[in-house]
All heavy atoms as atom14 arrays in JSON, in Angstrom:
{
  "sequence": "DNKTWHDVGVWISKCGRAIDKKDRKDLIAELADQFPVLNEITIR",
  "atom14_mask": [
    [1, 1, 1, 1, 1, 1, 1, 1, 0, 0, 0, 0, 0, 0],
    [1, 1, 1, 1, 1, 1, 1, 1, 0, 0, 0, 0, 0, 0],
    [1, 1, 1, 1, 1, 1, 1, 1, 1, 0, 0, 0, 0, 0],
    [1, 1, 1, 1, 1, 1, 1, 0, 0, 0, 0, 0, 0, 0],
    [1, 1, 1, 1, 1, 1, 1, 1, 1, 1, 1, 1, 1, 1],
    [1, 1, 1, 1, 1, 1, 1, 1, 1, 1, 0, 0, 0, 0],
    [1, 1, 1, 1, 1, 1, 1, 1, 0, 0, 0, 0, 0, 0],
    [1, 1, 1, 1, 1, 1, 1, 0, 0, 0, 0, 0, 0, 0],
    [1, 1, 1, 1, 0, 0, 0, 0, 0, 0, 0, 0, 0, 0],
    [1, 1, 1, 1, 1, 1, 1, 0, 0, 0, 0, 0, 0, 0],
    [1, 1, 1, 1, 1, 1, 1, 1, 1, 1, 1, 1, 1, 1],
    [1, 1, 1, 1, 1, 1, 1, 1, 0, 0, 0, 0, 0, 0],
    [1, 1, 1, 1, 1, 1, 0, 0, 0, 0, 0, 0, 0, 0],
    [1, 1, 1, 1, 1, 1, 1, 1, 1, 0, 0, 0, 0, 0],
    [1, 1, 1, 1, 1, 1, 0, 0, 0, 0, 0, 0, 0, 0],
    [1, 1, 1, 1, 0, 0, 0, 0, 0, 0, 0, 0, 0, 0],
    [1, 1, 1, 1, 1, 1, 1, 1, 1, 1, 1, 0, 0, 0],
    [1, 1, 1, 1, 1, 0, 0, 0, 0, 0, 0, 0, 0, 0],
    [1, 1, 1, 1, 1, 1, 1, 1, 0, 0, 0, 0, 0, 0],
    [1, 1, 1, 1, 1, 1, 1, 1, 0, 0, 0, 0, 0, 0],
    [1, 1, 1, 1, 1, 1, 1, 1, 1, 0, 0, 0, 0, 0],
    [1, 1, 1, 1, 1, 1, 1, 1, 1, 0, 0, 0, 0, 0],
    [1, 1, 1, 1, 1, 1, 1, 1, 0, 0, 0, 0, 0, 0],
    [1, 1, 1, 1, 1, 1, 1, 1, 1, 1, 1, 0, 0, 0],
    [1, 1, 1, 1, 1, 1, 1, 1, 1, 0, 0, 0, 0, 0],
    [1, 1, 1, 1, 1, 1, 1, 1, 0, 0, 0, 0, 0, 0],
    [1, 1, 1, 1, 1, 1, 1, 1, 0, 0, 0, 0, 0, 0],
    [1, 1, 1, 1, 1, 1, 1, 1, 0, 0, 0, 0, 0, 0],
    [1, 1, 1, 1, 1, 0, 0, 0, 0, 0, 0, 0, 0, 0],
    [1, 1, 1, 1, 1, 1, 1, 1, 1, 0, 0, 0, 0, 0],
    [1, 1, 1, 1, 1, 1, 1, 1, 0, 0, 0, 0, 0, 0],
    [1, 1, 1, 1, 1, 0, 0, 0, 0, 0, 0, 0, 0, 0],
    [1, 1, 1, 1, 1, 1, 1, 1, 0, 0, 0, 0, 0, 0],
    [1, 1, 1, 1, 1, 1, 1, 1, 1, 0, 0, 0, 0, 0],
    [1, 1, 1, 1, 1, 1, 1, 1, 1, 1, 1, 0, 0, 0],
    [1, 1, 1, 1, 1, 1, 1, 0, 0, 0, 0, 0, 0, 0],
    [1, 1, 1, 1, 1, 1, 1, 0, 0, 0, 0, 0, 0, 0],
    [1, 1, 1, 1, 1, 1, 1, 1, 0, 0, 0, 0, 0, 0],
    [1, 1, 1, 1, 1, 1, 1, 1, 0, 0, 0, 0, 0, 0],
    [1, 1, 1, 1, 1, 1, 1, 1, 1, 0, 0, 0, 0, 0],
    [1, 1, 1, 1, 1, 1, 1, 1, 0, 0, 0, 0, 0, 0],
    [1, 1, 1, 1, 1, 1, 1, 0, 0, 0, 0, 0, 0, 0],
    [1, 1, 1, 1, 1, 1, 1, 1, 0, 0, 0, 0, 0, 0],
    [1, 1, 1, 1, 1, 1, 1, 1, 1, 1, 1, 0, 0, 0]
  ],
  "atom14_positions": [
    [[-92.66, 6.32, 26.06], [-91.97, 7.01, 24.97], [-92.16, 8.51, 25.23], [-91.23, 9.31, 25.07], [-92.57, 6.69, 23.61], [-92.19, 5.18, 23.27], [-91.2, 4.68, 23.8], [-92.88, 4.63, 22.42], [0.0, 0.0, 0.0], [0.0, 0.0, 0.0], [0.0, 0.0, 0.0], [0.0, 0.0, 0.0], [0.0, 0.0, 0.0], [0.0, 0.0, 0.0]],
    [[-93.41, 8.93, 25.44], [-93.65, 10.38, 25.73], [-93.03, 10.83, 27.05], [-92.6, 11.98, 27.17], [-95.11, 10.68, 25.76], [-95.76, 10.63, 24.4], [-95.07, 10.89, 23.42], [-97.02, 10.23, 24.26], [0.0, 0.0, 0.0], [0.0, 0.0, 0.0], [0.0, 0.0, 0.0], [0.0, 0.0, 0.0], [0.0, 0.0, 0.0], [0.0, 0.0, 0.0]],
    [[-93.02, 9.97, 28.02], [-92.45, 10.3, 29.31], [-90.9, 10.6, 29.22], [-90.36, 11.6, 29.73], [-92.73, 9.27, 30.42], [-92.19, 9.58, 31.78], [-92.64, 8.55, 32.78], [-92.18, 8.83, 34.18], [-91.1, 9.75, 34.41], [0.0, 0.0, 0.0], [0.0, 0.0, 0.0], [0.0, 0.0, 0.0], [0.0, 0.0, 0.0], [0.0, 0.0, 0.0]],
    [[-90.24, 9.7, 28.48], [-88.82, 9.9, 28.23], [-88.58, 11.2, 27.52], [-87.64, 11.98, 27.9], [-88.26, 8.74, 27.48], [-88.49, 7.54, 28.18], [-86.73, 8.9, 27.26], [0.0, 0.0, 0.0], [0.0, 0.0, 0.0], [0.0, 0.0, 0.0], [0.0, 0.0, 0.0], [0.0, 0.0, 0.0], [0.0, 0.0, 0.0], [0.0, 0.0, 0.0]],
    [[-89.33, 11.45, 26.49], [-89.22, 12.74, 25.75], [-89.39, 13.95, 26.65], [-88.62, 14.91, 26.65], [-90.26, 12.8, 24.63], [-90.37, 14.03, 23.85], [-89.5, 14.54, 22.94], [-91.3, 15.06, 24.07], [-89.94, 15.76, 22.54], [-91.02, 16.15, 23.25], [-92.44, 15.14, 24.94], [-91.91, 17.27, 23.19], [-93.17, 16.33, 24.86], [-92.88, 17.3, 24.01]],
    [[-90.44, 13.87, 27.51], [-90.68, 14.92, 28.46], [-89.61, 15.06, 29.51], [-89.1, 16.23, 29.78], [-92.01, 14.62, 29.18], [-92.31, 15.62, 30.32], [-92.05, 15.41, 31.6], [-92.89, 16.84, 30.27], [-92.34, 16.45, 32.26], [-93.0, 17.3, 31.44], [0.0, 0.0, 0.0], [0.0, 0.0, 0.0], [0.0, 0.0, 0.0], [0.0, 0.0, 0.0]],
    [[-89.08, 14.0, 30.08], [-88.09, 14.06, 31.02], [-86.75, 14.65, 30.56], [-86.13, 15.5, 31.13], [-87.77, 12.64, 31.65], [-88.95, 12.14, 32.47], [-89.85, 12.92, 32.88], [-88.96, 11.0, 32.72], [0.0, 0.0, 0.0], [0.0, 0.0, 0.0], [0.0, 0.0, 0.0], [0.0, 0.0, 0.0], [0.0, 0.0, 0.0], [0.0, 0.0, 0.0]],
    [[-86.41, 14.22, 29.31], [-85.11, 14.76, 28.76], [-85.32, 16.2, 28.38], [-84.51, 17.05, 28.65], [-84.73, 13.92, 27.45], [-83.6, 14.57, 26.79], [-84.44, 12.5, 27.85], [0.0, 0.0, 0.0], [0.0, 0.0, 0.0], [0.0, 0.0, 0.0], [0.0, 0.0, 0.0], [0.0, 0.0, 0.0], [0.0, 0.0, 0.0], [0.0, 0.0, 0.0]],
    [[-86.49, 16.57, 27.83], [-86.76, 17.92, 27.5], [-86.72, 18.92, 28.75], [-86.21, 19.97, 28.67], [0.0, 0.0, 0.0], [0.0, 0.0, 0.0], [0.0, 0.0, 0.0], [0.0, 0.0, 0.0], [0.0, 0.0, 0.0], [0.0, 0.0, 0.0], [0.0, 0.0, 0.0], [0.0, 0.0, 0.0], [0.0, 0.0, 0.0], [0.0, 0.0, 0.0]],
    [[-87.35, 18.47, 29.77], [-87.37, 19.27, 30.98], [-85.96, 19.44, 31.6], [-85.57, 20.51, 31.94], [-88.33, 18.62, 32.07], [-88.13, 19.3, 33.41], [-89.75, 18.75, 31.61], [0.0, 0.0, 0.0], [0.0, 0.0, 0.0], [0.0, 0.0, 0.0], [0.0, 0.0, 0.0], [0.0, 0.0, 0.0], [0.0, 0.0, 0.0], [0.0, 0.0, 0.0]],
    [[-85.19, 18.37, 31.58], [-83.85, 18.47, 32.06], [-82.97, 19.4, 31.23], [-82.24, 20.25, 31.81], [-83.14, 17.11, 32.08], [-81.76, 17.06, 32.73], [-81.5, 16.97, 34.0], [-80.55, 17.07, 32.03], [-80.14, 17.01, 34.17], [-79.54, 17.06, 32.93], [-80.24, 17.11, 30.65], [-78.18, 17.12, 32.61], [-78.89, 17.18, 30.27], [-77.88, 17.15, 31.22]],
    [[-83.13, 19.3, 29.9], [-82.37, 20.2, 29.03], [-82.81, 21.64, 29.19], [-81.94, 22.6, 29.32], [-82.48, 19.78, 27.51], [-81.67, 18.52, 27.36], [-82.01, 20.84, 26.58], [-81.86, 17.87, 26.03], [0.0, 0.0, 0.0], [0.0, 0.0, 0.0], [0.0, 0.0, 0.0], [0.0, 0.0, 0.0], [0.0, 0.0, 0.0], [0.0, 0.0, 0.0]],
    [[-84.05, 21.89, 29.33], [-84.48, 23.27, 29.54], [-84.16, 23.86, 30.88], [-83.78, 25.04, 30.94], [-86.08, 23.45, 29.36], [-86.74, 22.71, 30.42], [0.0, 0.0, 0.0], [0.0, 0.0, 0.0], [0.0, 0.0, 0.0], [0.0, 0.0, 0.0], [0.0, 0.0, 0.0], [0.0, 0.0, 0.0], [0.0, 0.0, 0.0], [0.0, 0.0, 0.0]],
    [[-84.08, 23.07, 31.91], [-83.68, 23.49, 33.23], [-82.17, 23.85, 33.31], [-81.68, 24.7, 34.04], [-84.01, 22.48, 34.35], [-85.45, 22.48, 34.73], [-85.66, 21.52, 35.89], [-87.13, 21.57, 36.36], [-87.39, 20.63, 37.39], [0.0, 0.0, 0.0], [0.0, 0.0, 0.0], [0.0, 0.0, 0.0], [0.0, 0.0, 0.0], [0.0, 0.0, 0.0]],
    [[-81.37, 22.99, 32.59], [-79.96, 23.14, 32.59], [-79.37, 23.87, 31.31], [-78.21, 23.7, 30.99], [-79.27, 21.69, 32.72], [-79.82, 20.8, 34.13], [0.0, 0.0, 0.0], [0.0, 0.0, 0.0], [0.0, 0.0, 0.0], [0.0, 0.0, 0.0], [0.0, 0.0, 0.0], [0.0, 0.0, 0.0], [0.0, 0.0, 0.0], [0.0, 0.0, 0.0]],
    [[-80.19, 24.55, 30.62], [-79.81, 25.21, 29.38], [-78.62, 26.02, 29.33], [-77.74, 25.82, 28.54], [0.0, 0.0, 0.0], [0.0, 0.0, 0.0], [0.0, 0.0, 0.0], [0.0, 0.0, 0.0], [0.0, 0.0, 0.0], [0.0, 0.0, 0.0], [0.0, 0.0, 0.0], [0.0, 0.0, 0.0], [0.0, 0.0, 0.0], [0.0, 0.0, 0.0]],
    [[-78.48, 26.88, 30.38], [-77.28, 27.76, 30.44], [-76.03, 27.06, 30.7], [-74.93, 27.25, 30.15], [-77.46, 28.86, 31.48], [-78.45, 29.91, 31.03], [-78.56, 30.98, 32.0], [-79.5, 31.97, 31.59], [-79.95, 32.96, 32.33], [-79.5, 33.12, 33.57], [-80.79, 33.83, 31.74], [0.0, 0.0, 0.0], [0.0, 0.0, 0.0], [0.0, 0.0, 0.0]],
    [[-76.1, 26.06, 31.58], [-74.97, 25.17, 31.95], [-74.55, 24.28, 30.72], [-73.4, 24.04, 30.47], [-75.21, 24.31, 33.19], [0.0, 0.0, 0.0], [0.0, 0.0, 0.0], [0.0, 0.0, 0.0], [0.0, 0.0, 0.0], [0.0, 0.0, 0.0], [0.0, 0.0, 0.0], [0.0, 0.0, 0.0], [0.0, 0.0, 0.0], [0.0, 0.0, 0.0]],
    [[-75.61, 23.78, 29.98], [-75.3, 22.94, 28.86], [-74.56, 23.71, 27.78], [-73.7, 23.27, 27.11], [-76.69, 22.42, 28.3], [-77.22, 21.28, 29.21], [-76.54, 21.96, 26.82], [-78.61, 20.87, 28.89], [0.0, 0.0, 0.0], [0.0, 0.0, 0.0], [0.0, 0.0, 0.0], [0.0, 0.0, 0.0], [0.0, 0.0, 0.0], [0.0, 0.0, 0.0]],
    [[-74.96, 25.0, 27.59], [-74.29, 25.86, 26.55], [-72.89, 26.06, 26.85], [-72.08, 26.28, 25.91], [-75.01, 27.15, 26.39], [-76.33, 27.01, 25.68], [-76.5, 26.03, 24.97], [-77.14, 27.85, 25.75], [0.0, 0.0, 0.0], [0.0, 0.0, 0.0], [0.0, 0.0, 0.0], [0.0, 0.0, 0.0], [0.0, 0.0, 0.0], [0.0, 0.0, 0.0]],
    [[-72.43, 25.95, 28.09], [-70.97, 26.17, 28.45], [-70.16, 24.88, 28.31], [-68.95, 24.93, 28.41], [-70.92, 26.69, 29.87], [-71.54, 28.05, 30.02], [-71.46, 28.52, 31.44], [-72.23, 29.85, 31.61], [-72.33, 30.36, 32.99], [0.0, 0.0, 0.0], [0.0, 0.0, 0.0], [0.0, 0.0, 0.0], [0.0, 0.0, 0.0], [0.0, 0.0, 0.0]],
    [[-70.86, 23.78, 28.17], [-70.11, 22.43, 28.18], [-69.68, 22.11, 26.78], [-70.19, 22.51, 25.79], [-71.02, 21.33, 28.69], [-71.32, 21.45, 30.06], [-72.15, 20.27, 30.57], [-72.49, 20.48, 32.0], [-71.83, 19.56, 32.9], [0.0, 0.0, 0.0], [0.0, 0.0, 0.0], [0.0, 0.0, 0.0], [0.0, 0.0, 0.0], [0.0, 0.0, 0.0]],
    [[-68.6, 21.27, 26.72], [-68.07, 20.75, 25.51], [-69.1, 19.64, 25.02], [-69.74, 19.03, 25.83], [-66.74, 20.13, 25.7], [-66.09, 19.54, 24.48], [-65.91, 20.36, 23.53], [-65.79, 18.36, 24.56], [0.0, 0.0, 0.0], [0.0, 0.0, 0.0], [0.0, 0.0, 0.0], [0.0, 0.0, 0.0], [0.0, 0.0, 0.0], [0.0, 0.0, 0.0]],
    [[-69.1, 19.34, 23.74], [-70.07, 18.31, 23.18], [-69.82, 16.91, 23.82], [-70.75, 16.32, 24.22], [-69.95, 18.23, 21.75], [-70.36, 19.47, 20.97], [-70.28, 19.35, 19.43], [-68.96, 18.86, 19.0], [-67.94, 19.7, 18.73], [-68.06, 20.99, 18.89], [-66.82, 19.1, 18.3], [0.0, 0.0, 0.0], [0.0, 0.0, 0.0], [0.0, 0.0, 0.0]],
    [[-68.58, 16.56, 23.98], [-68.23, 15.25, 24.53], [-68.63, 15.12, 25.96], [-69.17, 14.12, 26.43], [-66.76, 14.9, 24.35], [-66.43, 14.63, 22.97], [-65.05, 14.26, 22.76], [-64.65, 14.25, 21.3], [-64.32, 13.05, 20.73], [0.0, 0.0, 0.0], [0.0, 0.0, 0.0], [0.0, 0.0, 0.0], [0.0, 0.0, 0.0], [0.0, 0.0, 0.0]],
    [[-68.43, 16.17, 26.77], [-68.83, 16.18, 28.17], [-70.35, 16.13, 28.29], [-70.91, 15.42, 29.13], [-68.34, 17.4, 28.86], [-66.82, 17.45, 28.97], [-66.18, 16.4, 28.91], [-66.24, 18.61, 29.13], [0.0, 0.0, 0.0], [0.0, 0.0, 0.0], [0.0, 0.0, 0.0], [0.0, 0.0, 0.0], [0.0, 0.0, 0.0], [0.0, 0.0, 0.0]],
    [[-71.01, 16.8, 27.39], [-72.53, 16.8, 27.41], [-73.11, 15.39, 27.1], [-74.04, 14.98, 27.68], [-73.05, 17.88, 26.47], [-74.56, 18.08, 26.45], [-75.08, 18.34, 27.85], [-74.86, 19.27, 25.54], [0.0, 0.0, 0.0], [0.0, 0.0, 0.0], [0.0, 0.0, 0.0], [0.0, 0.0, 0.0], [0.0, 0.0, 0.0], [0.0, 0.0, 0.0]],
    [[-72.47, 14.81, 26.1], [-72.89, 13.43, 25.74], [-72.74, 12.5, 27.02], [-73.63, 11.74, 27.29], [-72.11, 12.86, 24.53], [-72.57, 13.55, 23.27], [-72.21, 11.33, 24.44], [-71.88, 13.15, 22.02], [0.0, 0.0, 0.0], [0.0, 0.0, 0.0], [0.0, 0.0, 0.0], [0.0, 0.0, 0.0], [0.0, 0.0, 0.0], [0.0, 0.0, 0.0]],
    [[-71.59, 12.59, 27.67], [-71.33, 11.73, 28.8], [-72.4, 12.05, 29.92], [-72.94, 11.09, 30.57], [-70.01, 11.94, 29.33], [0.0, 0.0, 0.0], [0.0, 0.0, 0.0], [0.0, 0.0, 0.0], [0.0, 0.0, 0.0], [0.0, 0.0, 0.0], [0.0, 0.0, 0.0], [0.0, 0.0, 0.0], [0.0, 0.0, 0.0], [0.0, 0.0, 0.0]],
    [[-72.75, 13.28, 30.11], [-73.69, 13.65, 31.17], [-75.1, 13.15, 30.8], [-75.86, 12.62, 31.64], [-73.69, 15.14, 31.37], [-74.48, 15.52, 32.58], [-74.28, 16.95, 33.03], [-73.29, 17.6, 32.55], [-75.11, 17.45, 33.77], [0.0, 0.0, 0.0], [0.0, 0.0, 0.0], [0.0, 0.0, 0.0], [0.0, 0.0, 0.0], [0.0, 0.0, 0.0]],
    [[-75.44, 13.34, 29.59], [-76.82, 12.8, 29.09], [-76.92, 11.27, 29.22], [-77.94, 10.78, 29.68], [-77.07, 13.23, 27.69], [-77.76, 14.52, 27.45], [-77.66, 14.95, 26.01], [-79.12, 14.59, 27.93], [0.0, 0.0, 0.0], [0.0, 0.0, 0.0], [0.0, 0.0, 0.0], [0.0, 0.0, 0.0], [0.0, 0.0, 0.0], [0.0, 0.0, 0.0]],
    [[-75.86, 10.61, 28.85], [-75.88, 9.07, 28.95], [-75.95, 8.64, 30.39], [-76.57, 7.71, 30.71], [-74.57, 8.6, 28.24], [0.0, 0.0, 0.0], [0.0, 0.0, 0.0], [0.0, 0.0, 0.0], [0.0, 0.0, 0.0], [0.0, 0.0, 0.0], [0.0, 0.0, 0.0], [0.0, 0.0, 0.0], [0.0, 0.0, 0.0], [0.0, 0.0, 0.0]],
    [[-75.27, 9.37, 31.27], [-75.32, 9.05, 32.76], [-76.71, 9.34, 33.31], [-77.24, 8.61, 34.1], [-74.22, 9.74, 33.54], [-72.87, 9.24, 33.27], [-72.75, 8.08, 32.76], [-71.97, 9.97, 33.52], [0.0, 0.0, 0.0], [0.0, 0.0, 0.0], [0.0, 0.0, 0.0], [0.0, 0.0, 0.0], [0.0, 0.0, 0.0], [0.0, 0.0, 0.0]],
    [[-77.26, 10.5, 32.97], [-78.52, 10.96, 33.47], [-79.75, 10.12, 33.02], [-80.66, 9.92, 33.76], [-78.73, 12.44, 33.1], [-79.89, 13.1, 33.75], [-79.66, 13.46, 35.25], [-78.46, 13.65, 35.65], [-80.67, 13.62, 35.97], [0.0, 0.0, 0.0], [0.0, 0.0, 0.0], [0.0, 0.0, 0.0], [0.0, 0.0, 0.0], [0.0, 0.0, 0.0]],
    [[-79.63, 9.72, 31.71], [-80.75, 8.95, 31.14], [-80.26, 7.73, 30.48], [-79.91, 7.63, 29.32], [-81.46, 9.8, 30.02], [-82.02, 11.1, 30.63], [-81.32, 12.3, 30.45], [-83.25, 11.11, 31.26], [-81.86, 13.46, 30.9], [-83.79, 12.28, 31.82], [-83.05, 13.39, 31.61], [0.0, 0.0, 0.0], [0.0, 0.0, 0.0], [0.0, 0.0, 0.0]],
    [[-80.17, 6.55, 31.23], [-79.64, 5.35, 30.81], [-80.4, 4.69, 29.67], [-79.94, 3.85, 28.93], [-79.49, 4.45, 31.98], [-80.29, 5.1, 33.06], [-80.48, 6.6, 32.7], [0.0, 0.0, 0.0], [0.0, 0.0, 0.0], [0.0, 0.0, 0.0], [0.0, 0.0, 0.0], [0.0, 0.0, 0.0], [0.0, 0.0, 0.0], [0.0, 0.0, 0.0]],
    [[-81.65, 5.11, 29.49], [-82.52, 4.5, 28.45], [-82.1, 4.98, 27.03], [-82.34, 4.28, 26.04], [-84.01, 4.84, 28.73], [-84.32, 6.33, 28.48], [-84.9, 3.94, 27.88], [0.0, 0.0, 0.0], [0.0, 0.0, 0.0], [0.0, 0.0, 0.0], [0.0, 0.0, 0.0], [0.0, 0.0, 0.0], [0.0, 0.0, 0.0], [0.0, 0.0, 0.0]],
    [[-81.41, 6.06, 26.95], [-80.97, 6.58, 25.62], [-79.95, 5.66, 25.09], [-78.99, 5.28, 25.67], [-80.38, 8.03, 25.79], [-81.35, 9.07, 26.37], [-80.58, 10.38, 26.44], [-82.56, 9.21, 25.53], [0.0, 0.0, 0.0], [0.0, 0.0, 0.0], [0.0, 0.0, 0.0], [0.0, 0.0, 0.0], [0.0, 0.0, 0.0], [0.0, 0.0, 0.0]],
    [[-80.12, 5.35, 23.73], [-79.08, 4.46, 23.15], [-78.38, 5.16, 22.0], [-77.51, 4.58, 21.38], [-79.67, 3.15, 22.77], [-80.77, 3.27, 21.68], [-81.09, 4.37, 21.26], [-81.36, 2.11, 21.27], [0.0, 0.0, 0.0], [0.0, 0.0, 0.0], [0.0, 0.0, 0.0], [0.0, 0.0, 0.0], [0.0, 0.0, 0.0], [0.0, 0.0, 0.0]],
    [[-78.69, 6.42, 21.71], [-78.06, 7.16, 20.61], [-78.16, 8.64, 20.92], [-79.28, 9.1, 21.13], [-78.51, 6.81, 19.27], [-77.75, 7.33, 18.11], [-78.29, 6.92, 16.8], [-78.56, 5.7, 16.63], [-78.42, 7.78, 15.91], [0.0, 0.0, 0.0], [0.0, 0.0, 0.0], [0.0, 0.0, 0.0], [0.0, 0.0, 0.0], [0.0, 0.0, 0.0]],
    [[-77.08, 9.34, 20.92], [-77.1, 10.79, 21.19], [-76.25, 11.5, 20.13], [-75.07, 11.05, 19.9], [-76.5, 11.1, 22.58], [-77.44, 10.45, 23.7], [-76.53, 12.63, 22.84], [-76.74, 10.52, 25.06], [0.0, 0.0, 0.0], [0.0, 0.0, 0.0], [0.0, 0.0, 0.0], [0.0, 0.0, 0.0], [0.0, 0.0, 0.0], [0.0, 0.0, 0.0]],
    [[-76.74, 12.55, 19.55], [-75.95, 13.37, 18.59], [-76.08, 14.8, 19.01], [-77.13, 15.26, 19.26], [-76.48, 13.22, 17.14], [-76.43, 11.87, 16.81], [-75.6, 13.98, 16.2], [0.0, 0.0, 0.0], [0.0, 0.0, 0.0], [0.0, 0.0, 0.0], [0.0, 0.0, 0.0], [0.0, 0.0, 0.0], [0.0, 0.0, 0.0], [0.0, 0.0, 0.0]],
    [[-74.91, 15.45, 19.17], [-74.92, 16.87, 19.54], [-74.14, 17.66, 18.51], [-73.03, 17.32, 18.16], [-74.28, 17.06, 20.91], [-75.1, 16.28, 21.89], [-74.18, 18.57, 21.27], [-74.58, 16.48, 23.37], [0.0, 0.0, 0.0], [0.0, 0.0, 0.0], [0.0, 0.0, 0.0], [0.0, 0.0, 0.0], [0.0, 0.0, 0.0], [0.0, 0.0, 0.0]],
    [[-74.88, 18.64, 17.97], [-74.23, 19.57, 16.96], [-74.18, 20.96, 17.56], [-75.11, 21.39, 18.19], [-75.04, 19.57, 15.69], [-74.98, 18.26, 14.94], [-75.78, 18.45, 13.63], [-75.6, 17.29, 12.84], [-76.45, 16.21, 12.89], [-77.41, 16.23, 13.73], [-76.18, 15.19, 12.1], [0.0, 0.0, 0.0], [0.0, 0.0, 0.0], [0.0, 0.0, 0.0]]
  ]
}
């Protein structure tokens, strides 16, 4: 549980500038592809 939290957080912090330029739907698709263990994603 902590490892998943860490891995997602590190990925988001490394890709922060690129993430900010993406559309919400594109970002959801990329997160779901990058981390298949995630079963719910909300982006505001």
